[in-house]
């Protein structure tokens, strides 16, 4: 399954990084960093942080630096009231 995941990442131009109150897990962190590296080499690659319901301010304040500077989609109060917010 890791090879299939690598192939999918190689073929993707956009990555949504889902963030919950428990932050980013170790495996998700690896995937996110691969996409951030791709983004450095190719500025058409998009990495979009997605704040899930229940994500607290402390979690947001402790996001990795390269992720925290990006615009994010805010689903903290639900999908119907989602907004795109600057860093």
PDB file of N, CA and C in Angstrom:
ATOM      1  N   UNK A   1       0.798  -1.196   0.000  1.00  0.00           N
ATOM      2  CA  UNK A   1       0.000   0.000   0.000  1.00  0.00           C
ATOM      3  C   UNK A   1       0.844   1.265   0.000  1.00  0.00           C
ATOM      4  N   UNK A   2       2.072   1.179   0.519  1.00  0.00           N
ATOM      5  CA  UNK A   2       2.936   2.351   0.509  1.00  0.00           C
ATOM      6  C   UNK A   2       3.330   2.735  -0.914  1.00  0.00           C
ATOM      7  N   UNK A   3       3.579   1.736  -1.748  1.00  0.00           N
ATOM      8  CA  UNK A   3       3.917   2.037  -3.144  1.00  0.00           C
ATOM      9  C   UNK A   3       2.738   2.683  -3.853  1.00  0.00           C
ATOM     10  N   UNK A   4       1.531   2.207  -3.585  1.00  0.00           N
ATOM     11  CA  UNK A   4       0.337   2.799  -4.188  1.00  0.00           C
ATOM     12  C   UNK A   4       0.157   4.237  -3.711  1.00  0.00           C
ATOM     13  N   UNK A   5       0.428   4.482  -2.446  1.00  0.00           N
ATOM     14  CA  UNK A   5       0.324   5.837  -1.906  1.00  0.00           C
ATOM     15  C   UNK A   5       1.362   6.755  -2.539  1.00  0.00           C
ATOM     16  N   UNK A   6       2.582   6.279  -2.691  1.00  0.00           N
ATOM     17  CA  UNK A   6       3.622   7.079  -3.350  1.00  0.00           C
ATOM     18  C   UNK A   6       3.228   7.422  -4.773  1.00  0.00           C
ATOM     19  N   UNK A   7       2.682   6.458  -5.493  1.00  0.00           N
ATOM     20  CA  UNK A   7       2.240   6.698  -6.873  1.00  0.00           C
ATOM     21  C   UNK A   7       1.127   7.747  -6.901  1.00  0.00           C
ATOM     22  N   UNK A   8       0.181   7.643  -5.986  1.00  0.00           N
ATOM     23  CA  UNK A   8      -0.920   8.616  -5.926  1.00  0.00           C
ATOM     24  C   UNK A   8      -0.388  10.013  -5.618  1.00  0.00           C
ATOM     25  N   UNK A   9       0.554  10.109  -4.710  1.00  0.00           N
ATOM     26  CA  UNK A   9       1.150  11.408  -4.382  1.00  0.00           C
ATOM     27  C   UNK A   9       1.866  11.977  -5.595  1.00  0.00           C
ATOM     28  N   UNK A  10       2.618  11.137  -6.295  1.00  0.00           N
ATOM     29  CA  UNK A  10       3.343  11.592  -7.486  1.00  0.00           C
ATOM     30  C   UNK A  10       2.396  12.120  -8.561  1.00  0.00           C
ATOM     31  N   UNK A  11       1.194  11.574  -8.631  1.00  0.00           N
ATOM     32  CA  UNK A  11       0.231  11.960  -9.665  1.00  0.00           C
ATOM     33  C   UNK A  11      -0.700  13.095  -9.227  1.00  0.00           C
ATOM     34  N   UNK A  12      -0.577  13.545  -7.993  1.00  0.00           N
ATOM     35  CA  UNK A  12      -1.494  14.561  -7.468  1.00  0.00           C
ATOM     36  C   UNK A  12      -0.891  15.951  -7.550  1.00  0.00           C
ATOM     37  N   UNK A  13      -1.747  16.926  -7.826  1.00  0.00           N
ATOM     38  CA  UNK A  13      -1.313  18.319  -7.879  1.00  0.00           C
ATOM     39  C   UNK A  13      -1.818  19.113  -6.680  1.00  0.00           C
ATOM     40  N   UNK A  14      -2.673  18.503  -5.884  1.00  0.00           N
ATOM     41  CA  UNK A  14      -3.243  19.177  -4.723  1.00  0.00           C
ATOM     42  C   UNK A  14      -3.295  18.222  -3.546  1.00  0.00           C
ATOM     43  N   UNK A  15      -3.019  18.761  -2.369  1.00  0.00           N
ATOM     44  CA  UNK A  15      -3.075  17.976  -1.147  1.00  0.00           C
ATOM     45  C   UNK A  15      -3.865  18.744  -0.098  1.00  0.00           C
ATOM     46  N   UNK A  16      -4.909  18.127   0.431  1.00  0.00           N
ATOM     47  CA  UNK A  16      -5.635  18.690   1.557  1.00  0.00           C
ATOM     48  C   UNK A  16      -5.102  18.060   2.827  1.00  0.00           C
ATOM     49  N   UNK A  17      -4.638  18.885   3.750  1.00  0.00           N
ATOM     50  CA  UNK A  17      -4.101  18.389   5.016  1.00  0.00           C
ATOM     51  C   UNK A  17      -5.166  18.610   6.082  1.00  0.00           C
ATOM     52  N   UNK A  18      -5.810  17.529   6.499  1.00  0.00           N
ATOM     53  CA  UNK A  18      -6.882  17.610   7.497  1.00  0.00           C
ATOM     54  C   UNK A  18      -6.268  17.706   8.890  1.00  0.00           C
ATOM     55  N   UNK A  19      -6.708  18.731   9.621  1.00  0.00           N
ATOM     56  CA  UNK A  19      -6.171  18.992  10.949  1.00  0.00           C
ATOM     57  C   UNK A  19      -7.316  18.938  11.954  1.00  0.00           C
ATOM     58  N   UNK A  20      -7.144  18.127  12.982  1.00  0.00           N
ATOM     59  CA  UNK A  20      -8.161  18.010  14.023  1.00  0.00           C
ATOM     60  C   UNK A  20      -7.569  18.488  15.349  1.00  0.00           C
ATOM     61  N   UNK A  21      -8.336  18.352  16.409  1.00  0.00           N
ATOM     62  CA  UNK A  21      -7.842  18.782  17.718  1.00  0.00           C
ATOM     63  C   UNK A  21      -6.636  17.957  18.165  1.00  0.00           C
ATOM     64  N   UNK A  22      -6.435  16.796  17.583  1.00  0.00           N
ATOM     65  CA  UNK A  22      -5.260  15.997  17.934  1.00  0.00           C
ATOM     66  C   UNK A  22      -4.068  16.325  17.036  1.00  0.00           C
ATOM     67  N   UNK A  23      -4.197  17.343  16.201  1.00  0.00           N
ATOM     68  CA  UNK A  23      -3.085  17.790  15.364  1.00  0.00           C
ATOM     69  C   UNK A  23      -2.873  16.927  14.139  1.00  0.00           C
ATOM     70  N   UNK A  24      -1.620  16.764  13.771  1.00  0.00           N
ATOM     71  CA  UNK A  24      -1.240  15.991  12.600  1.00  0.00           C
ATOM     72  C   UNK A  24      -0.469  14.769  13.090  1.00  0.00           C
ATOM     73  N   UNK A  25      -0.921  13.594  12.688  1.00  0.00           N
ATOM     74  CA  UNK A  25      -0.255  12.359  13.096  1.00  0.00           C
ATOM     75  C   UNK A  25       1.058  12.165  12.371  1.00  0.00           C
ATOM     76  N   UNK A  26       1.889  11.243  12.846  1.00  0.00           N
ATOM     77  CA  UNK A  26       3.209  11.039  12.253  1.00  0.00           C
ATOM     78  C   UNK A  26       3.167  10.651  10.775  1.00  0.00           C
ATOM     79  N   UNK A  27       2.240   9.795  10.388  1.00  0.00           N
ATOM     80  CA  UNK A  27       2.164   9.389   8.988  1.00  0.00           C
ATOM     81  C   UNK A  27       1.647  10.537   8.125  1.00  0.00           C
ATOM     82  N   UNK A  28       0.654  11.250   8.623  1.00  0.00           N
ATOM     83  CA  UNK A  28       0.136  12.407   7.882  1.00  0.00           C
ATOM     84  C   UNK A  28       1.224  13.473   7.723  1.00  0.00           C
ATOM     85  N   UNK A  29       2.045  13.614   8.748  1.00  0.00           N
ATOM     86  CA  UNK A  29       3.146  14.568   8.696  1.00  0.00           C
ATOM     87  C   UNK A  29       4.100  14.215   7.553  1.00  0.00           C
ATOM     88  N   UNK A  30       4.407  12.932   7.394  1.00  0.00           N
ATOM     89  CA  UNK A  30       5.290  12.495   6.299  1.00  0.00           C
ATOM     90  C   UNK A  30       4.683  12.845   4.941  1.00  0.00           C
ATOM     91  N   UNK A  31       3.396  12.541   4.757  1.00  0.00           N
ATOM     92  CA  UNK A  31       2.722  12.833   3.489  1.00  0.00           C
ATOM     93  C   UNK A  31       2.717  14.336   3.219  1.00  0.00           C
ATOM     94  N   UNK A  32       2.384  15.130   4.238  1.00  0.00           N
ATOM     95  CA  UNK A  32       2.336  16.581   4.097  1.00  0.00           C
ATOM     96  C   UNK A  32       3.692  17.128   3.680  1.00  0.00           C
ATOM     97  N   UNK A  33       4.750  16.630   4.298  1.00  0.00           N
ATOM     98  CA  UNK A  33       6.090  17.143   3.992  1.00  0.00           C
ATOM     99  C   UNK A  33       6.527  16.784   2.571  1.00  0.00           C
ATOM    100  N   UNK A  34       6.104  15.633   2.069  1.00  0.00           N
ATOM    101  CA  UNK A  34       6.383  15.280   0.675  1.00  0.00           C
ATOM    102  C   UNK A  34       5.728  16.303  -0.245  1.00  0.00           C
ATOM    103  N   UNK A  35       4.466  16.656   0.032  1.00  0.00           N
ATOM    104  CA  UNK A  35       3.775  17.639  -0.798  1.00  0.00           C
ATOM    105  C   UNK A  35       4.400  19.023  -0.673  1.00  0.00           C
ATOM    106  N   UNK A  36       4.812  19.409   0.516  1.00  0.00           N
ATOM    107  CA  UNK A  36       5.468  20.712   0.669  1.00  0.00           C
ATOM    108  C   UNK A  36       6.769  20.757  -0.124  1.00  0.00           C
ATOM    109  N   UNK A  37       7.499  19.650  -0.142  1.00  0.00           N
ATOM    110  CA  UNK A  37       8.727  19.569  -0.937  1.00  0.00           C
ATOM    111  C   UNK A  37       8.407  19.680  -2.431  1.00  0.00           C
ATOM    112  N   UNK A  38       7.341  18.989  -2.871  1.00  0.00           N
ATOM    113  CA  UNK A  38       6.921  19.095  -4.276  1.00  0.00           C
ATOM    114  C   UNK A  38       6.562  20.537  -4.613  1.00  0.00           C
ATOM    115  N   UNK A  39       5.902  21.221  -3.673  1.00  0.00           N
ATOM    116  CA  UNK A  39       5.467  22.608  -3.877  1.00  0.00           C
ATOM    117  C   UNK A  39       6.665  23.543  -4.075  1.00  0.00           C
ATOM    118  N   UNK A  40       7.766  23.278  -3.382  1.00  0.00           N
ATOM    119  CA  UNK A  40       8.971  24.096  -3.536  1.00  0.00           C
ATOM    120  C   UNK A  40       9.518  23.972  -4.949  1.00  0.00           C
ATOM    121  N   UNK A  41       9.476  22.764  -5.502  1.00  0.00           N
ATOM    122  CA  UNK A  41       9.996  22.522  -6.857  1.00  0.00           C
ATOM    123  C   UNK A  41       9.032  22.951  -7.950  1.00  0.00           C
ATOM    124  N   UNK A  42       7.735  23.001  -7.629  1.00  0.00           N
ATOM    125  CA  UNK A  42       6.714  23.282  -8.637  1.00  0.00           C
ATOM    126  C   UNK A  42       5.616  24.119  -7.988  1.00  0.00           C
ATOM    127  N   UNK A  43       5.580  25.415  -8.302  1.00  0.00           N
ATOM    128  CA  UNK A  43       4.630  26.295  -7.619  1.00  0.00           C
ATOM    129  C   UNK A  43       3.178  26.104  -8.057  1.00  0.00           C
ATOM    130  N   UNK A  44       2.918  25.184  -8.978  1.00  0.00           N
ATOM    131  CA  UNK A  44       1.520  24.889  -9.311  1.00  0.00           C
ATOM    132  C   UNK A  44       0.924  23.838  -8.367  1.00  0.00           C
ATOM    133  N   UNK A  45       1.762  23.216  -7.544  1.00  0.00           N
ATOM    134  CA  UNK A  45       1.290  22.253  -6.544  1.00  0.00           C
ATOM    135  C   UNK A  45       0.615  23.034  -5.416  1.00  0.00           C
ATOM    136  N   UNK A  46      -0.535  22.556  -4.977  1.00  0.00           N
ATOM    137  CA  UNK A  46      -1.278  23.221  -3.909  1.00  0.00           C
ATOM    138  C   UNK A  46      -1.322  22.333  -2.665  1.00  0.00           C
ATOM    139  N   UNK A  47      -1.065  22.946  -1.519  1.00  0.00           N
ATOM    140  CA  UNK A  47      -1.208  22.293  -0.222  1.00  0.00           C
ATOM    141  C   UNK A  47      -2.205  23.144   0.566  1.00  0.00           C
ATOM    142  N   UNK A  48      -3.311  22.528   0.953  1.00  0.00           N
ATOM    143  CA  UNK A  48      -4.401  23.274   1.582  1.00  0.00           C
ATOM    144  C   UNK A  48      -4.692  22.699   2.971  1.00  0.00           C
ATOM    145  N   UNK A  49      -4.358  23.436   4.028  1.00  0.00           N
ATOM    146  CA  UNK A  49      -4.730  23.000   5.367  1.00  0.00           C
ATOM    147  C   UNK A  49      -6.250  23.080   5.534  1.00  0.00           C
ATOM    148  N   UNK A  50      -6.831  22.065   6.148  1.00  0.00           N
ATOM    149  CA  UNK A  50      -8.278  22.008   6.380  1.00  0.00           C
ATOM    150  C   UNK A  50      -8.505  21.820   7.871  1.00  0.00           C
ATOM    151  N   UNK A  51      -9.092  22.833   8.514  1.00  0.00           N
ATOM    152  CA  UNK A  51      -9.370  22.755   9.946  1.00  0.00           C
ATOM    153  C   UNK A  51     -10.706  22.062  10.147  1.00  0.00           C
ATOM    154  N   UNK A  52     -10.677  20.912  10.800  1.00  0.00           N
ATOM    155  CA  UNK A  52     -11.881  20.116  11.025  1.00  0.00           C
ATOM    156  C   UNK A  52     -12.620  20.589  12.279  1.00  0.00           C
ATOM    157  N   UNK A  53     -13.906  20.243  12.389  1.00  0.00           N
ATOM    158  CA  UNK A  53     -14.660  20.622  13.592  1.00  0.00           C
ATOM    159  C   UNK A  53     -13.932  20.176  14.858  1.00  0.00           C
ATOM    160  N   UNK A  54     -13.905  21.065  15.831  1.00  0.00           N
ATOM    161  CA  UNK A  54     -13.268  20.762  17.107  1.00  0.00           C
ATOM    162  C   UNK A  54     -11.804  21.144  17.193  1.00  0.00           C
ATOM    163  N   UNK A  55     -11.208  21.607  16.084  1.00  0.00           N
ATOM    164  CA  UNK A  55      -9.804  22.008  16.130  1.00  0.00           C
ATOM    165  C   UNK A  55      -9.670  23.253  16.994  1.00  0.00           C
ATOM    166  N   UNK A  56      -8.802  23.190  17.996  1.00  0.00           N
ATOM    167  CA  UNK A  56      -8.673  24.327  18.915  1.00  0.00           C
ATOM    168  C   UNK A  56      -7.551  25.267  18.498  1.00  0.00           C
ATOM    169  N   UNK A  57      -7.541  26.458  19.102  1.00  0.00           N
ATOM    170  CA  UNK A  57      -6.547  27.490  18.775  1.00  0.00           C
ATOM    171  C   UNK A  57      -5.123  27.015  19.065  1.00  0.00           C
ATOM    172  N   UNK A  58      -4.941  26.252  20.129  1.00  0.00           N
ATOM    173  CA  UNK A  58      -3.603  25.768  20.467  1.00  0.00           C
ATOM    174  C   UNK A  58      -3.048  24.890  19.347  1.00  0.00           C
ATOM    175  N   UNK A  59      -3.888  24.022  18.802  1.00  0.00           N
ATOM    176  CA  UNK A  59      -3.458  23.170  17.693  1.00  0.00           C
ATOM    177  C   UNK A  59      -3.077  24.028  16.493  1.00  0.00           C
ATOM    178  N   UNK A  60      -3.899  25.023  16.188  1.00  0.00           N
ATOM    179  CA  UNK A  60      -3.625  25.914  15.053  1.00  0.00           C
ATOM    180  C   UNK A  60      -2.320  26.676  15.277  1.00  0.00           C
ATOM    181  N   UNK A  61      -2.118  27.153  16.490  1.00  0.00           N
ATOM    182  CA  UNK A  61      -0.899  27.910  16.805  1.00  0.00           C
ATOM    183  C   UNK A  61       0.356  27.058  16.763  1.00  0.00           C
ATOM    184  N   UNK A  62       0.211  25.743  16.830  1.00  0.00           N
ATOM    185  CA  UNK A  62       1.369  24.846  16.836  1.00  0.00           C
ATOM    186  C   UNK A  62       1.546  24.073  15.536  1.00  0.00           C
ATOM    187  N   UNK A  63       0.912  24.543  14.464  1.00  0.00           N
ATOM    188  CA  UNK A  63       1.097  23.895  13.164  1.00  0.00           C
ATOM    189  C   UNK A  63       2.539  24.078  12.698  1.00  0.00           C
ATOM    190  N   UNK A  64       3.045  23.149  11.894  1.00  0.00           N
ATOM    191  CA  UNK A  64       4.387  23.332  11.333  1.00  0.00           C
ATOM    192  C   UNK A  64       4.471  24.659  10.573  1.00  0.00           C
ATOM    193  N   UNK A  65       5.595  25.323  10.671  1.00  0.00           N
ATOM    194  CA  UNK A  65       5.766  26.658  10.092  1.00  0.00           C
ATOM    195  C   UNK A  65       5.409  26.733   8.613  1.00  0.00           C
ATOM    196  N   UNK A  66       5.834  25.756   7.829  1.00  0.00           N
ATOM    197  CA  UNK A  66       5.572  25.791   6.398  1.00  0.00           C
ATOM    198  C   UNK A  66       4.088  25.614   6.083  1.00  0.00           C
ATOM    199  N   UNK A  67       3.351  24.993   6.981  1.00  0.00           N
ATOM    200  CA  UNK A  67       1.918  24.804   6.782  1.00  0.00           C
ATOM    201  C   UNK A  67       1.138  26.008   7.308  1.00  0.00           C
ATOM    202  N   UNK A  68       1.588  26.573   8.398  1.00  0.00           N
ATOM    203  CA  UNK A  68       0.837  27.653   9.043  1.00  0.00           C
ATOM    204  C   UNK A  68       0.792  28.928   8.208  1.00  0.00           C
ATOM    205  N   UNK A  69       1.696  29.101   7.271  1.00  0.00           N
ATOM    206  CA  UNK A  69       1.714  30.320   6.459  1.00  0.00           C
ATOM    207  C   UNK A  69       0.776  30.261   5.246  1.00  0.00           C
ATOM    208  N   UNK A  70       0.126  29.124   5.029  1.00  0.00           N
ATOM    209  CA  UNK A  70      -0.762  28.944   3.883  1.00  0.00           C
ATOM    210  C   UNK A  70      -2.203  29.341   4.234  1.00  0.00           C
ATOM    211  N   UNK A  71      -2.960  29.724   3.213  1.00  0.00           N
ATOM    212  CA  UNK A  71      -4.396  29.921   3.406  1.00  0.00           C
ATOM    213  C   UNK A  71      -5.013  28.580   3.765  1.00  0.00           C
ATOM    214  N   UNK A  72      -6.031  28.603   4.591  1.00  0.00           N
ATOM    215  CA  UNK A  72      -6.647  27.342   4.998  1.00  0.00           C
ATOM    216  C   UNK A  72      -8.160  27.412   4.889  1.00  0.00           C
ATOM    217  N   UNK A  73      -8.782  26.238   4.838  1.00  0.00           N
ATOM    218  CA  UNK A  73     -10.238  26.122   4.828  1.00  0.00           C
ATOM    219  C   UNK A  73     -10.662  25.823   6.258  1.00  0.00           C
ATOM    220  N   UNK A  74     -11.614  26.584   6.748  1.00  0.00           N
ATOM    221  CA  UNK A  74     -12.029  26.483   8.145  1.00  0.00           C
ATOM    222  C   UNK A  74     -13.394  25.812   8.260  1.00  0.00           C
ATOM    223  N   UNK A  75     -13.385  24.544   8.673  1.00  0.00           N
ATOM    224  CA  UNK A  75     -14.613  23.785   8.902  1.00  0.00           C
ATOM    225  C   UNK A  75     -14.885  23.629  10.403  1.00  0.00           C
ATOM    226  N   UNK A  76     -14.234  24.442  11.247  1.00  0.00           N
ATOM    227  CA  UNK A  76     -14.363  24.250  12.691  1.00  0.00           C
ATOM    228  C   UNK A  76     -15.800  24.352  13.182  1.00  0.00           C
ATOM    229  N   UNK A  77     -16.613  25.165  12.532  1.00  0.00           N
ATOM    230  CA  UNK A  77     -18.015  25.285  12.964  1.00  0.00           C
ATOM    231  C   UNK A  77     -18.963  24.523  12.058  1.00  0.00           C
ATOM    232  N   UNK A  78     -18.435  23.692  11.187  1.00  0.00           N
ATOM    233  CA  UNK A  78     -19.242  22.867  10.316  1.00  0.00           C
ATOM    234  C   UNK A  78     -19.047  23.206   8.854  1.00  0.00           C
ATOM    235  N   UNK A  79     -19.469  22.310   7.992  1.00  0.00           N
ATOM    236  CA  UNK A  79     -19.290  22.467   6.562  1.00  0.00           C
ATOM    237  C   UNK A  79     -20.110  23.620   6.002  1.00  0.00           C
ATOM    238  N   UNK A  80     -21.331  23.807   6.492  1.00  0.00           N
ATOM    239  CA  UNK A  80     -22.214  24.859   5.971  1.00  0.00           C
ATOM    240  C   UNK A  80     -21.660  26.253   6.176  1.00  0.00           C
ATOM    241  N   UNK A  81     -20.820  26.437   7.192  1.00  0.00           N
ATOM    242  CA  UNK A  81     -20.293  27.769   7.474  1.00  0.00           C
ATOM    243  C   UNK A  81     -18.797  27.874   7.172  1.00  0.00           C
ATOM    244  N   UNK A  82     -18.314  27.044   6.275  1.00  0.00           N
ATOM    245  CA  UNK A  82     -16.886  27.024   5.964  1.00  0.00           C
ATOM    246  C   UNK A  82     -16.430  28.334   5.348  1.00  0.00           C
ATOM    247  N   UNK A  83     -15.185  28.682   5.599  1.00  0.00           N
ATOM    248  CA  UNK A  83     -14.608  29.869   4.991  1.00  0.00           C
ATOM    249  C   UNK A  83     -13.145  29.596   4.673  1.00  0.00           C
ATOM    250  N   UNK A  84     -12.618  30.374   3.747  1.00  0.00           N
ATOM    251  CA  UNK A  84     -11.205  30.288   3.403  1.00  0.00           C
ATOM    252  C   UNK A  84     -10.548  31.479   4.058  1.00  0.00           C
ATOM    253  N   UNK A  85      -9.567  31.214   4.890  1.00  0.00           N
ATOM    254  CA  UNK A  85      -8.946  32.264   5.674  1.00  0.00           C
ATOM    255  C   UNK A  85      -7.461  32.347   5.381  1.00  0.00           C
ATOM    256  N   UNK A  86      -6.937  33.567   5.422  1.00  0.00           N
ATOM    257  CA  UNK A  86      -5.484  33.697   5.278  1.00  0.00           C
ATOM    258  C   UNK A  86      -4.808  33.200   6.536  1.00  0.00           C
ATOM    259  N   UNK A  87      -3.491  32.984   6.418  1.00  0.00           N
ATOM    260  CA  UNK A  87      -2.714  32.481   7.542  1.00  0.00           C
ATOM    261  C   UNK A  87      -2.811  33.370   8.743  1.00  0.00           C
TER     262      UNK A  87
END
